[in-house]
N, C-alpha and C. Protein backbone atom coordinates (compact mmCIF):
# COMPACT_ATOMS: atom_id res chain seq x y z
N MET A 1 6.63 3.50 -4.23
CA MET A 1 6.62 4.35 -3.05
C MET A 1 5.25 5.02 -2.97
N ALA A 2 4.47 4.56 -2.05
CA ALA A 2 3.13 5.12 -1.90
C ALA A 2 3.01 5.86 -0.58
N GLY A 3 2.32 6.97 -0.62
CA GLY A 3 2.06 7.72 0.61
C GLY A 3 3.26 8.49 1.10
N PRO A 4 3.04 9.28 2.15
CA PRO A 4 4.12 10.09 2.72
C PRO A 4 5.16 9.24 3.44
N SER A 5 6.36 9.77 3.54
CA SER A 5 7.44 9.11 4.27
C SER A 5 7.90 10.02 5.39
N ILE A 6 8.18 9.44 6.53
CA ILE A 6 8.70 10.21 7.65
C ILE A 6 10.22 10.23 7.54
N ILE A 7 10.77 11.42 7.48
CA ILE A 7 12.21 11.63 7.35
C ILE A 7 12.71 12.18 8.67
N LYS A 8 13.65 11.47 9.29
CA LYS A 8 14.17 11.91 10.59
C LYS A 8 15.63 12.34 10.54
N SER A 9 16.27 12.18 9.39
CA SER A 9 17.67 12.58 9.29
C SER A 9 18.00 12.89 7.83
N THR A 10 19.14 13.53 7.63
CA THR A 10 19.58 13.81 6.27
C THR A 10 19.89 12.52 5.53
N LYS A 11 20.32 11.50 6.26
CA LYS A 11 20.57 10.18 5.67
C LYS A 11 19.26 9.60 5.13
N ASP A 12 18.19 9.71 5.94
CA ASP A 12 16.86 9.25 5.50
C ASP A 12 16.43 9.98 4.23
N LEU A 13 16.64 11.29 4.21
CA LEU A 13 16.24 12.09 3.06
C LEU A 13 17.02 11.69 1.81
N GLY A 14 18.32 11.53 1.97
CA GLY A 14 19.15 11.12 0.85
C GLY A 14 18.75 9.76 0.30
N ASN A 15 18.50 8.82 1.19
CA ASN A 15 18.07 7.49 0.77
C ASN A 15 16.72 7.55 0.06
N PHE A 16 15.82 8.38 0.57
CA PHE A 16 14.50 8.52 -0.06
C PHE A 16 14.64 9.08 -1.48
N VAL A 17 15.43 10.15 -1.62
CA VAL A 17 15.61 10.78 -2.94
C VAL A 17 16.23 9.77 -3.91
N ARG A 18 17.28 9.05 -3.47
CA ARG A 18 17.94 8.08 -4.34
C ARG A 18 16.97 6.97 -4.76
N THR A 19 16.25 6.42 -3.80
CA THR A 19 15.31 5.33 -4.08
C THR A 19 14.21 5.79 -5.03
N PHE A 20 13.69 6.99 -4.79
CA PHE A 20 12.63 7.51 -5.66
C PHE A 20 13.16 7.77 -7.06
N ARG A 21 14.33 8.39 -7.14
CA ARG A 21 14.93 8.68 -8.45
C ARG A 21 15.10 7.38 -9.25
N LYS A 22 15.64 6.38 -8.62
CA LYS A 22 15.85 5.10 -9.30
C LYS A 22 14.53 4.43 -9.68
N SER A 23 13.51 4.59 -8.83
CA SER A 23 12.21 3.99 -9.14
C SER A 23 11.59 4.62 -10.39
N GLN A 24 12.03 5.84 -10.71
CA GLN A 24 11.56 6.54 -11.90
C GLN A 24 12.49 6.31 -13.09
N HIS A 25 13.48 5.44 -12.90
CA HIS A 25 14.46 5.11 -13.95
C HIS A 25 15.22 6.34 -14.42
N LEU A 26 15.58 7.19 -13.44
CA LEU A 26 16.36 8.40 -13.73
C LEU A 26 17.77 8.24 -13.18
N THR A 27 18.73 8.80 -13.88
CA THR A 27 20.09 8.85 -13.37
C THR A 27 20.30 10.20 -12.69
N GLN A 28 21.40 10.29 -11.95
CA GLN A 28 21.73 11.58 -11.35
C GLN A 28 21.90 12.62 -12.45
N ALA A 29 22.51 12.23 -13.55
CA ALA A 29 22.72 13.17 -14.67
C ALA A 29 21.41 13.67 -15.25
N ASP A 30 20.37 12.84 -15.20
CA ASP A 30 19.07 13.25 -15.74
C ASP A 30 18.50 14.47 -15.01
N ILE A 31 18.78 14.58 -13.73
CA ILE A 31 18.15 15.67 -12.96
C ILE A 31 19.04 16.89 -12.75
N LEU A 32 20.31 16.77 -13.12
CA LEU A 32 21.25 17.89 -12.90
C LEU A 32 20.81 19.18 -13.57
N GLY A 33 20.61 19.12 -14.87
CA GLY A 33 20.25 20.33 -15.62
C GLY A 33 18.87 20.84 -15.27
N LEU A 34 17.94 19.91 -15.10
CA LEU A 34 16.57 20.31 -14.78
C LEU A 34 16.47 21.00 -13.43
N ALA A 35 17.30 20.57 -12.48
CA ALA A 35 17.28 21.15 -11.14
C ALA A 35 18.28 22.29 -11.01
N ASN A 36 19.00 22.58 -12.12
CA ASN A 36 19.99 23.66 -12.13
C ASN A 36 21.01 23.49 -11.01
N THR A 37 21.55 22.30 -10.91
CA THR A 37 22.54 22.01 -9.88
C THR A 37 23.63 21.12 -10.46
N GLY A 38 24.68 20.90 -9.71
CA GLY A 38 25.78 20.08 -10.19
C GLY A 38 25.75 18.67 -9.64
N ASN A 39 26.58 17.83 -10.23
CA ASN A 39 26.66 16.44 -9.81
C ASN A 39 27.05 16.31 -8.34
N ARG A 40 27.96 17.15 -7.90
CA ARG A 40 28.42 17.09 -6.51
C ARG A 40 27.26 17.26 -5.54
N PHE A 41 26.36 18.20 -5.84
CA PHE A 41 25.23 18.43 -4.95
C PHE A 41 24.35 17.18 -4.86
N ILE A 42 24.06 16.57 -6.00
CA ILE A 42 23.19 15.39 -6.01
C ILE A 42 23.84 14.25 -5.23
N VAL A 43 25.13 14.06 -5.43
CA VAL A 43 25.86 13.01 -4.71
C VAL A 43 25.81 13.27 -3.21
N GLU A 44 26.07 14.51 -2.81
CA GLU A 44 26.05 14.86 -1.39
C GLU A 44 24.66 14.71 -0.79
N LEU A 45 23.64 15.13 -1.53
CA LEU A 45 22.27 14.99 -1.07
C LEU A 45 21.93 13.52 -0.84
N GLU A 46 22.22 12.69 -1.83
CA GLU A 46 21.88 11.27 -1.73
C GLU A 46 22.72 10.54 -0.68
N ASN A 47 23.86 11.11 -0.33
CA ASN A 47 24.70 10.52 0.72
C ASN A 47 24.35 11.06 2.10
N GLY A 48 23.39 11.95 2.18
CA GLY A 48 22.92 12.44 3.48
C GLY A 48 23.73 13.55 4.10
N LYS A 49 24.43 14.33 3.28
CA LYS A 49 25.21 15.45 3.83
C LYS A 49 24.26 16.39 4.58
N PRO A 50 24.57 16.69 5.84
CA PRO A 50 23.65 17.49 6.66
C PRO A 50 23.59 18.97 6.32
N THR A 51 24.50 19.47 5.50
CA THR A 51 24.53 20.91 5.23
C THR A 51 24.16 21.28 3.80
N VAL A 52 23.37 20.45 3.12
CA VAL A 52 22.97 20.80 1.75
C VAL A 52 22.09 22.05 1.78
N GLN A 53 22.13 22.79 0.69
CA GLN A 53 21.36 24.02 0.59
C GLN A 53 19.87 23.69 0.40
N LEU A 54 19.05 24.33 1.21
CA LEU A 54 17.62 24.05 1.20
C LEU A 54 16.98 24.35 -0.16
N GLN A 55 17.29 25.47 -0.77
CA GLN A 55 16.65 25.81 -2.05
C GLN A 55 17.02 24.81 -3.13
N LYS A 56 18.27 24.38 -3.15
CA LYS A 56 18.67 23.36 -4.13
C LYS A 56 17.93 22.05 -3.88
N LEU A 57 17.78 21.69 -2.61
CA LEU A 57 17.01 20.50 -2.26
C LEU A 57 15.58 20.62 -2.76
N LEU A 58 14.96 21.77 -2.54
CA LEU A 58 13.58 21.99 -3.01
C LEU A 58 13.50 21.92 -4.53
N ASP A 59 14.52 22.42 -5.21
CA ASP A 59 14.55 22.35 -6.67
C ASP A 59 14.62 20.90 -7.16
N VAL A 60 15.45 20.09 -6.51
CA VAL A 60 15.56 18.68 -6.88
C VAL A 60 14.24 17.96 -6.62
N LEU A 61 13.64 18.20 -5.47
CA LEU A 61 12.36 17.57 -5.16
C LEU A 61 11.31 17.96 -6.20
N ASP A 62 11.30 19.22 -6.60
CA ASP A 62 10.34 19.70 -7.60
C ASP A 62 10.53 18.97 -8.94
N VAL A 63 11.78 18.85 -9.37
CA VAL A 63 12.07 18.15 -10.62
C VAL A 63 11.60 16.70 -10.57
N LEU A 64 11.70 16.09 -9.39
CA LEU A 64 11.27 14.70 -9.22
C LEU A 64 9.75 14.57 -9.03
N GLY A 65 9.06 15.72 -8.96
CA GLY A 65 7.61 15.68 -8.75
C GLY A 65 7.25 15.44 -7.29
N LEU A 66 8.15 15.83 -6.40
CA LEU A 66 7.93 15.65 -4.96
C LEU A 66 7.80 17.02 -4.30
N GLU A 67 7.27 17.03 -3.09
CA GLU A 67 7.17 18.27 -2.32
C GLU A 67 7.49 17.98 -0.87
N LEU A 68 7.94 19.01 -0.19
CA LEU A 68 8.27 18.92 1.23
C LEU A 68 7.07 19.41 2.02
N VAL A 69 6.60 18.60 2.96
CA VAL A 69 5.47 18.97 3.80
C VAL A 69 5.92 18.86 5.26
N VAL A 70 5.67 19.89 6.04
CA VAL A 70 6.01 19.87 7.46
C VAL A 70 4.71 19.89 8.24
N GLN A 71 4.61 18.98 9.19
CA GLN A 71 3.39 18.92 10.00
C GLN A 71 3.76 18.55 11.43
N LYS A 72 2.86 18.80 12.32
CA LYS A 72 3.05 18.47 13.72
C LYS A 72 3.11 16.95 13.86
N LYS A 73 4.03 16.49 14.72
CA LYS A 73 4.11 15.06 14.99
C LYS A 73 2.83 14.58 15.65
N ARG A 74 2.50 13.34 15.37
CA ARG A 74 1.32 12.76 16.02
C ARG A 74 1.64 12.43 17.47
N ASN A 75 0.65 12.62 18.33
CA ASN A 75 0.75 12.26 19.76
C ASN A 75 1.84 13.02 20.50
N ILE A 76 2.19 14.19 20.04
CA ILE A 76 3.17 15.03 20.72
C ILE A 76 2.46 16.31 21.15
N LEU A 77 2.53 16.61 22.43
CA LEU A 77 1.92 17.84 22.93
C LEU A 77 2.98 18.92 22.99
N LEU A 78 2.74 19.99 22.27
CA LEU A 78 3.65 21.13 22.25
C LEU A 78 2.95 22.35 22.84
N PRO A 79 3.73 23.23 23.46
CA PRO A 79 3.11 24.47 23.95
C PRO A 79 2.68 25.33 22.78
N PRO A 80 1.71 26.20 22.97
CA PRO A 80 1.30 27.10 21.89
C PRO A 80 2.49 27.91 21.40
N LEU A 81 2.51 28.25 20.13
CA LEU A 81 3.60 29.03 19.55
C LEU A 81 3.83 30.34 20.30
N SER A 82 2.76 30.95 20.78
CA SER A 82 2.89 32.23 21.48
C SER A 82 3.75 32.10 22.74
N SER A 83 3.78 30.94 23.36
CA SER A 83 4.57 30.77 24.58
C SER A 83 6.04 30.51 24.27
N LEU A 84 6.38 30.27 22.99
CA LEU A 84 7.76 30.03 22.61
C LEU A 84 8.49 31.33 22.27
N GLU A 85 7.78 32.43 22.18
CA GLU A 85 8.41 33.70 21.78
C GLU A 85 9.10 34.37 22.93
């Protein structure tokens, strides 16, 4: 897995996490204690549950050596933030 991935849904995110975890030869059990979370959370995350807790997700990504980056979409014109208030 090289370079950034565009994630458009919780299903995409779950698939990405599962694929990356397996590419590192890690089991779900390997990351449970390190991420301070339970098996149920990892299963739900990898299955694309839309209501997973953000902090737990960030903890899992950190344990896997990943980070979440948010950026403006390419070729999309948005109004200035000041006009959205």
